[in-house]
Amino acid sequence: MTMPTANIQKFAPGAELGQYAGAETVLRFGSPEAELEALRHGCGVFDLSWRGKLVISGEDRVRWLNGMVSNNTRDLPQDCGNFNFVLNAQGRIQAELTAFQRGDFYLLETEAAQIATLREFFERYIIMDDVEIGDISARLVSIGVAGPQVVEVLRRAGMMPGAAQPGQLLDGSWSGMGYTLVRDPVAARDWYELWLSAENAEAFWQALVQAGAAPVGAVALEWQRILLGLPRIGLDIGAKVLPQETGQEYALHHSKGCYIGQEIVERIRARGQVHRKLAGLIFDGEPAAPASKVMVGDTELGETASSAAVVVDGVGRSVALAYLRPQPLPTGSTENLAVTVDGSTARVTALPFRF
C-alpha cells in the first residue's frame, strides 16, 4: 500500500473504501460528479494506494533494465523518468510502468495489481546479472494531485520546490518533513505525486485540502482516465495487445538498442500501421458493456473496452474506449462515423474526448 486507508478514515470519515487496481483505496469522498469537476476545472487530491513501487539496484541495473522495457531508461538523466511497456517476445504488452533514475537505483512505479507478476517476470531474466529487485510499496507513501489549478495549489501549500518538467522529480522539505515532488511523464494525465513517509501523510493531505485541493476518489479518477483516452492494463490492455494499438507511442524508443519484443515493434513501425487502434465512442443512450461488438451495418469494426456514464460540465455523457479498425470505409476515416453497439447507436471520436 502507499497511503494507509486507515489514516484516510480518520480525517475523512465519510469516505467510501473499496478495491481499485489491486489495492484498497477511497472510491468516493462524496459526489464523484463533483470530484470529476475538480479534476477537470480545479485541483483534486487523491490517494495512490493502488500504485506500487519496485527498486532495481546492482551494478548491471542500467544495461539490464534497458533490455527489459520499451523506452530508453539507459540515458535517463538522474531524477527523471519515462513511461514504458514490458513486452513478451511476440511484442505483446505484459505490463506497464514508469521508470525513474535515482542514481544508485531505479524506482519503478506501476499498479499494485501488477507488482507481483512484474517482479516474477523480471526475475526470470536475471541470469548472470548483478541485479536486485526490491518491493518498497509498503514503505513509500504516495499522494496525487491534478487539475488545471494544481501548480497554484502546490505553491499555496508550500510544496512546489521548483518547476518540474514532465517526468522530473524534485526533492524538498515541508514543515521539517522531507518529500519528493514527482511530475508524471504521461502528458495526457499530467498529474503530480508526493512521495513521503507514511507517518506524515495526514499532515500533507490536510495542507493540500486547506490550500484548495478537493478530495477525489477512484471512481472520479477512473472516469477521468476514460475521458483522457488512457487505457488500463488488465481492462483495456490484455495479454495480446500490441503497443501501437493503444496509441501510446511515447512508451517506445526506436533507437535505444535491443529489448524484448523489439523486433515486432519495429516490424509494425516499418509497416506504418496496425490492424486496429484505440478510439472513443459517444453513445446516444447508455454505454455498451466491455467486449461488445462495434458494427457498421453488417461489418464488424471492432469491440469496446472501458465505458462510463458520466456528467461532464453538467451534461450527462455516455462514453467508451474501443479498439477499431482504422480504415473500414473508402474514405479511410472513422471520425464521426455512426456505429451500432448491442443495439445502441454511437459515433466514433478521436481521443481524448472533447465536448
Protein backbone atom coordinates (compact mmCIF):
# COMPACT_ATOMS: atom_id res chain seq x y z
CA MET A 1 0.00 0.00 0.00
CA THR A 2 1.02 3.64 -0.21
CA MET A 3 -1.22 5.93 1.78
CA PRO A 4 -2.79 3.82 4.58
CA THR A 5 -6.56 3.77 4.19
CA ALA A 6 -6.98 3.67 7.96
CA ASN A 7 -5.43 7.14 8.11
CA ILE A 8 -7.83 8.41 5.45
CA GLN A 9 -10.80 7.26 7.50
CA LYS A 10 -9.53 9.26 10.48
CA PHE A 11 -9.61 12.58 8.70
CA ALA A 12 -12.27 11.78 6.08
CA PRO A 13 -14.84 9.69 7.98
CA GLY A 14 -17.38 9.81 5.14
CA ALA A 15 -15.02 8.22 2.63
CA GLU A 16 -16.24 5.02 0.97
CA LEU A 17 -13.49 2.43 0.68
CA GLY A 18 -13.17 -0.33 -1.87
CA GLN A 19 -10.84 -2.17 -4.23
CA TYR A 20 -9.23 -0.45 -7.18
CA ALA A 21 -6.30 -1.68 -9.30
CA GLY A 22 -5.25 -4.27 -6.74
CA ALA A 23 -5.45 -2.28 -3.50
CA GLU A 24 -7.92 -0.86 -1.01
CA THR A 25 -8.44 2.84 -1.54
CA VAL A 26 -11.12 5.53 -1.36
CA LEU A 27 -13.77 5.08 -4.04
CA ARG A 28 -15.53 8.36 -3.27
CA PHE A 29 -15.45 11.08 -0.65
CA GLY A 30 -18.86 12.44 -1.63
CA SER A 31 -20.20 13.04 -5.12
CA PRO A 32 -17.99 11.52 -7.88
CA GLU A 33 -19.51 14.05 -10.29
CA ALA A 34 -18.22 16.95 -8.16
CA GLU A 35 -14.87 15.20 -7.77
CA LEU A 36 -14.56 14.85 -11.56
CA GLU A 37 -15.26 18.58 -11.89
CA ALA A 38 -12.37 19.28 -9.52
CA LEU A 39 -10.03 17.24 -11.73
CA ARG A 40 -11.26 19.00 -14.88
CA HIS A 41 -11.55 22.59 -13.66
CA GLY A 42 -9.85 22.94 -10.28
CA CYS A 43 -7.49 20.69 -8.34
CA GLY A 44 -8.10 17.26 -6.86
CA VAL A 45 -6.05 15.40 -4.26
CA PHE A 46 -6.24 11.61 -4.22
CA ASP A 47 -4.89 8.50 -2.54
CA LEU A 48 -2.48 6.42 -4.61
CA SER A 49 -2.62 3.23 -2.55
CA TRP A 50 -3.24 1.41 -5.80
CA ARG A 51 0.21 2.20 -7.19
CA GLY A 52 3.14 0.08 -6.03
CA LYS A 53 6.89 0.57 -6.31
CA LEU A 54 9.87 -1.65 -7.10
CA VAL A 55 13.54 -0.75 -6.70
CA ILE A 56 16.09 -2.06 -9.22
CA SER A 57 19.68 -1.98 -7.94
CA GLY A 58 23.01 -3.67 -8.66
CA GLU A 59 25.99 -2.97 -10.94
CA ASP A 60 24.21 -4.23 -14.07
CA ARG A 61 20.90 -2.40 -13.46
CA VAL A 62 21.31 0.18 -16.27
CA ARG A 63 22.03 -2.29 -19.06
CA TRP A 64 19.63 -4.93 -17.75
CA LEU A 65 16.59 -2.68 -17.31
CA ASN A 66 17.08 -1.06 -20.70
CA GLY A 67 16.84 -4.52 -22.25
CA MET A 68 13.60 -5.28 -20.43
CA VAL A 69 11.45 -2.24 -21.27
CA SER A 70 10.29 -0.45 -24.41
CA ASN A 71 11.61 3.04 -23.67
CA ASN A 72 15.15 4.34 -23.20
CA THR A 73 15.93 4.07 -19.50
CA ARG A 74 19.68 3.83 -20.10
CA ASP A 75 20.05 7.54 -20.93
CA LEU A 76 17.60 8.96 -18.42
CA PRO A 77 19.11 11.90 -16.52
CA GLN A 78 19.19 11.45 -12.77
CA ASP A 79 15.87 12.25 -11.07
CA CYS A 80 13.93 11.86 -14.32
CA GLY A 81 11.60 9.14 -15.56
CA ASN A 82 9.65 7.86 -18.54
CA PHE A 83 6.69 5.61 -19.33
CA ASN A 84 7.37 2.05 -20.52
CA PHE A 85 5.75 -1.14 -21.65
CA VAL A 86 7.08 -4.58 -20.77
CA LEU A 87 6.59 -6.87 -23.76
CA ASN A 88 6.98 -10.55 -24.49
CA ALA A 89 8.92 -11.94 -27.44
CA GLN A 90 5.82 -11.60 -29.62
CA GLY A 91 5.65 -7.86 -28.89
CA ARG A 92 2.50 -8.14 -26.77
CA ILE A 93 2.09 -5.94 -23.69
CA GLN A 94 2.64 -7.78 -20.41
CA ALA A 95 2.84 -4.79 -18.08
CA GLU A 96 3.32 -1.04 -17.99
CA LEU A 97 5.43 1.07 -15.65
CA THR A 98 7.11 4.39 -15.09
CA ALA A 99 10.86 4.14 -14.52
CA PHE A 100 12.73 6.83 -12.56
CA GLN A 101 16.52 7.08 -12.49
CA ARG A 102 17.60 7.81 -8.92
CA GLY A 103 21.38 7.48 -9.19
CA ASP A 104 22.28 4.22 -7.46
CA PHE A 105 18.94 2.62 -8.31
CA TYR A 106 15.86 2.82 -10.49
CA LEU A 107 12.43 3.23 -8.94
CA LEU A 108 9.64 1.60 -10.95
CA GLU A 109 6.03 2.58 -10.33
CA THR A 110 3.01 0.64 -11.57
CA GLU A 111 -0.43 -0.54 -10.47
CA ALA A 112 -0.36 -2.57 -7.27
CA ALA A 113 -2.12 -5.40 -9.11
CA GLN A 114 0.91 -5.77 -11.40
CA ILE A 115 3.67 -5.71 -8.80
CA ALA A 116 3.93 -9.46 -8.08
CA THR A 117 3.65 -10.60 -11.71
CA LEU A 118 6.02 -7.87 -12.91
CA ARG A 119 8.63 -8.86 -10.33
CA GLU A 120 8.27 -12.54 -11.25
CA PHE A 121 8.61 -11.70 -14.97
CA PHE A 122 11.75 -9.65 -14.34
CA GLU A 123 13.38 -12.26 -12.11
CA ARG A 124 13.14 -14.86 -14.88
CA TYR A 125 15.53 -12.70 -16.91
CA ILE A 126 18.18 -12.22 -14.23
CA ILE A 127 20.71 -14.86 -15.26
CA MET A 128 24.31 -13.85 -14.52
CA ASP A 129 23.41 -10.19 -13.97
CA ASP A 130 24.22 -8.20 -10.83
CA VAL A 131 20.63 -7.01 -10.40
CA GLU A 132 18.42 -6.99 -7.33
CA ILE A 133 14.69 -6.25 -7.18
CA GLY A 134 13.02 -4.98 -4.03
CA ASP A 135 9.37 -4.13 -3.31
CA ILE A 136 9.03 -0.87 -1.31
CA SER A 137 5.29 -0.42 -1.90
CA ALA A 138 4.53 -0.64 1.83
CA ARG A 139 7.15 1.93 2.83
CA LEU A 140 6.77 4.85 0.43
CA VAL A 141 3.51 6.80 0.62
CA SER A 142 2.11 8.49 -2.49
CA ILE A 143 -0.48 11.27 -2.70
CA GLY A 144 -1.64 12.50 -6.11
CA VAL A 145 -2.74 15.98 -7.15
CA ALA A 146 -4.10 17.00 -10.55
CA GLY A 147 -6.15 19.62 -12.36
CA PRO A 148 -5.62 22.99 -14.05
CA GLN A 149 -5.04 24.69 -10.68
CA VAL A 150 -2.58 22.09 -9.38
CA VAL A 151 0.55 24.27 -9.55
CA GLU A 152 -1.22 27.11 -7.75
CA VAL A 153 -2.41 24.74 -5.01
CA LEU A 154 1.06 23.21 -4.56
CA ARG A 155 2.63 26.66 -4.31
CA ARG A 156 -0.01 27.82 -1.85
CA ALA A 157 0.69 24.75 0.28
CA GLY A 158 4.44 25.39 0.12
CA MET A 159 5.09 22.09 -1.68
CA MET A 160 6.50 23.36 -5.00
CA PRO A 161 10.28 23.24 -4.59
CA GLY A 162 10.75 24.25 -8.23
CA ALA A 163 9.25 24.00 -11.70
CA ALA A 164 9.18 20.30 -12.64
CA GLN A 165 9.20 19.13 -16.23
CA PRO A 166 7.18 16.02 -17.16
CA GLY A 167 8.93 13.00 -15.67
CA GLN A 168 11.09 15.05 -13.30
CA LEU A 169 11.48 14.52 -9.55
CA LEU A 170 12.30 17.32 -7.09
CA ASP A 171 13.28 16.61 -3.50
CA GLY A 172 12.03 19.11 -0.92
CA SER A 173 11.25 19.76 2.71
CA TRP A 174 7.95 20.96 4.16
CA SER A 175 7.44 21.80 7.83
CA GLY A 176 10.59 19.88 8.64
CA MET A 177 9.43 16.77 6.73
CA GLY A 178 11.16 15.53 3.60
CA TYR A 179 9.26 14.61 0.45
CA THR A 180 9.69 14.19 -3.30
CA LEU A 181 7.52 16.01 -5.82
CA VAL A 182 7.04 13.93 -8.96
CA ARG A 183 5.53 15.15 -12.22
CA ASP A 184 4.10 12.26 -14.19
CA PRO A 185 5.72 11.84 -17.63
CA VAL A 186 2.43 10.99 -19.37
CA ALA A 187 1.35 14.33 -20.83
CA ALA A 188 -2.33 13.42 -21.07
CA ARG A 189 -2.52 12.50 -17.39
CA ASP A 190 -0.31 15.41 -16.21
CA TRP A 191 -0.64 14.83 -12.51
CA TYR A 192 1.82 15.32 -9.69
CA GLU A 193 2.67 12.91 -6.91
CA LEU A 194 4.10 13.49 -3.47
CA TRP A 195 6.28 10.68 -2.13
CA LEU A 196 6.72 10.77 1.63
CA SER A 197 6.87 8.77 4.85
CA ALA A 198 3.62 7.14 5.96
CA GLU A 199 3.54 8.92 9.31
CA ASN A 200 3.49 12.31 7.51
CA ALA A 201 0.64 11.51 5.11
CA GLU A 202 -2.16 13.12 7.09
CA ALA A 203 -0.30 16.42 7.54
CA PHE A 204 0.44 16.70 3.81
CA TRP A 205 -3.11 15.71 2.86
CA GLN A 206 -4.72 18.24 5.17
CA ALA A 207 -2.40 21.01 3.98
CA LEU A 208 -3.30 20.33 0.35
CA VAL A 209 -7.02 20.41 1.16
CA GLN A 210 -6.57 23.69 3.05
CA ALA A 211 -4.72 25.07 0.02
CA GLY A 212 -7.75 24.38 -2.19
CA ALA A 213 -7.49 20.78 -3.38
CA ALA A 214 -10.73 18.78 -3.31
CA PRO A 215 -10.51 15.13 -2.13
CA VAL A 216 -11.13 12.81 -5.08
CA GLY A 217 -11.86 9.07 -5.07
CA ALA A 218 -11.07 6.28 -7.52
CA VAL A 219 -14.48 6.47 -9.24
CA ALA A 220 -13.82 10.01 -10.48
CA LEU A 221 -10.22 9.09 -11.34
CA GLU A 222 -11.50 6.22 -13.45
CA TRP A 223 -13.94 8.49 -15.27
CA GLN A 224 -11.17 10.99 -15.93
CA ARG A 225 -8.90 8.23 -17.23
CA ILE A 226 -11.52 7.16 -19.77
CA LEU A 227 -12.19 10.76 -20.84
CA LEU A 228 -8.45 11.25 -21.39
CA GLY A 229 -8.34 8.10 -23.52
CA LEU A 230 -5.79 6.30 -21.36
CA PRO A 231 -6.14 2.50 -21.47
CA ARG A 232 -5.68 0.48 -18.30
CA ILE A 233 -3.68 -2.70 -18.06
CA GLY A 234 -5.94 -5.69 -17.38
CA LEU A 235 -9.06 -3.85 -18.57
CA ASP A 236 -8.29 -2.24 -21.91
CA ILE A 237 -4.90 -3.87 -22.38
CA GLY A 238 -4.99 -7.65 -22.45
CA ALA A 239 -2.10 -10.04 -22.98
CA LYS A 240 -2.45 -9.90 -26.80
CA VAL A 241 -2.48 -6.11 -27.27
CA LEU A 242 0.35 -4.51 -29.22
CA PRO A 243 1.85 -1.18 -28.07
CA GLN A 244 0.88 0.82 -31.17
CA GLU A 245 -2.74 -0.31 -30.83
CA THR A 246 -3.04 1.69 -27.60
CA GLY A 247 -1.95 4.97 -29.19
CA GLN A 248 0.80 5.30 -26.56
CA GLU A 249 3.77 5.63 -28.88
CA TYR A 250 5.51 7.74 -26.23
CA ALA A 251 6.29 4.43 -24.48
CA LEU A 252 8.50 3.37 -27.40
CA HIS A 253 12.07 4.34 -28.28
CA HIS A 254 13.20 3.26 -31.73
CA SER A 255 16.97 3.73 -31.47
CA LYS A 256 17.78 2.55 -27.94
CA GLY A 257 19.04 -0.90 -28.89
CA CYS A 258 17.68 -4.38 -28.27
CA TYR A 259 14.91 -5.21 -25.83
CA ILE A 260 12.34 -7.96 -25.50
CA GLY A 261 9.72 -7.60 -28.25
CA GLN A 262 11.68 -5.00 -30.23
CA GLU A 263 11.61 -6.95 -33.50
CA ILE A 264 7.80 -6.94 -33.60
CA VAL A 265 7.59 -3.26 -32.62
CA GLU A 266 9.95 -2.29 -35.43
CA ARG A 267 8.16 -4.52 -37.93
CA ILE A 268 4.89 -2.70 -37.17
CA ARG A 269 6.66 0.65 -37.45
CA ALA A 270 8.03 -0.29 -40.87
CA ARG A 271 4.55 -1.36 -42.00
CA GLY A 272 3.21 2.04 -40.94
CA GLN A 273 0.01 0.94 -39.25
CA VAL A 274 -1.71 -1.62 -37.06
CA HIS A 275 -4.89 -3.54 -37.78
CA ARG A 276 -6.77 -1.74 -35.01
CA LYS A 277 -6.30 1.26 -32.75
CA LEU A 278 -7.88 2.73 -29.64
CA ALA A 279 -10.61 5.30 -30.29
CA GLY A 280 -13.56 6.82 -28.45
CA LEU A 281 -17.29 6.18 -28.74
CA ILE A 282 -20.00 8.65 -27.69
CA PHE A 283 -23.37 6.95 -27.21
CA ASP A 284 -26.82 8.42 -27.70
CA GLY A 285 -28.07 6.40 -24.72
CA GLU A 286 -26.41 4.17 -22.14
CA PRO A 287 -22.86 2.96 -22.90
CA ALA A 288 -22.38 -0.63 -24.01
CA ALA A 289 -20.63 -3.20 -21.85
CA PRO A 290 -16.93 -4.00 -22.46
CA ALA A 291 -16.16 -6.52 -25.22
CA SER A 292 -19.30 -5.56 -27.19
CA LYS A 293 -19.00 -5.69 -30.98
CA VAL A 294 -18.93 -2.35 -32.80
CA MET A 295 -20.77 -2.62 -36.12
CA VAL A 296 -21.14 -0.54 -39.28
CA GLY A 297 -24.14 -2.17 -40.91
CA ASP A 298 -23.19 -5.84 -41.19
CA THR A 299 -19.47 -5.15 -40.90
CA GLU A 300 -17.69 -5.65 -37.59
CA LEU A 301 -15.44 -2.66 -36.92
CA GLY A 302 -14.03 -3.70 -33.54
CA GLU A 303 -15.03 -4.04 -29.89
CA THR A 304 -15.48 -1.88 -26.83
CA ALA A 305 -13.22 -1.68 -23.80
CA SER A 306 -13.85 0.52 -20.71
CA SER A 307 -17.08 2.51 -20.64
CA ALA A 308 -18.75 5.02 -18.33
CA ALA A 309 -21.84 7.20 -17.92
CA VAL A 310 -20.50 10.49 -16.59
CA VAL A 311 -21.60 14.07 -16.04
CA VAL A 312 -19.27 16.50 -17.83
CA ASP A 313 -19.84 20.21 -17.23
CA GLY A 314 -23.39 19.49 -16.11
CA VAL A 315 -24.27 17.32 -19.12
CA GLY A 316 -24.67 13.55 -18.98
CA ARG A 317 -22.36 11.71 -21.36
CA SER A 318 -22.09 8.01 -22.19
CA VAL A 319 -18.65 7.11 -23.48
CA ALA A 320 -16.45 4.11 -24.14
CA LEU A 321 -13.00 3.25 -25.33
CA ALA A 322 -12.90 0.83 -28.26
CA TYR A 323 -10.36 -0.89 -30.45
CA LEU A 324 -11.41 -0.19 -34.04
CA ARG A 325 -10.04 -0.98 -37.46
CA PRO A 326 -8.69 2.31 -38.85
CA GLN A 327 -9.89 2.02 -42.46
CA PRO A 328 -13.29 0.37 -42.74
CA LEU A 329 -14.57 2.70 -45.46
CA PRO A 330 -13.33 4.02 -48.81
CA THR A 331 -12.78 7.40 -47.12
CA GLY A 332 -10.21 5.78 -44.83
CA SER A 333 -11.51 7.59 -41.75
CA THR A 334 -13.67 6.61 -38.79
CA GLU A 335 -14.01 10.11 -37.30
CA ASN A 336 -17.69 10.89 -36.60
CA LEU A 337 -18.65 7.55 -38.12
CA ALA A 338 -22.07 6.33 -36.95
CA VAL A 339 -21.94 2.81 -35.47
CA THR A 340 -24.18 0.43 -33.54
CA VAL A 341 -23.17 -1.47 -30.41
CA ASP A 342 -25.57 -4.02 -28.94
CA GLY A 343 -28.50 -2.14 -30.46
CA SER A 344 -27.31 1.26 -29.22
CA THR A 345 -26.16 3.99 -31.58
CA ALA A 346 -22.89 5.85 -31.15
CA ARG A 347 -20.38 7.89 -33.09
CA VAL A 348 -16.64 7.45 -33.26
CA THR A 349 -14.38 10.21 -32.00
CA ALA A 350 -10.68 10.80 -31.52
CA LEU A 351 -9.12 10.66 -28.08
CA PRO A 352 -9.12 12.38 -25.67
CA PHE A 353 -12.85 13.06 -25.60
CA ARG A 354 -13.76 16.70 -26.30
CA PHE A 355 -17.26 18.03 -25.76
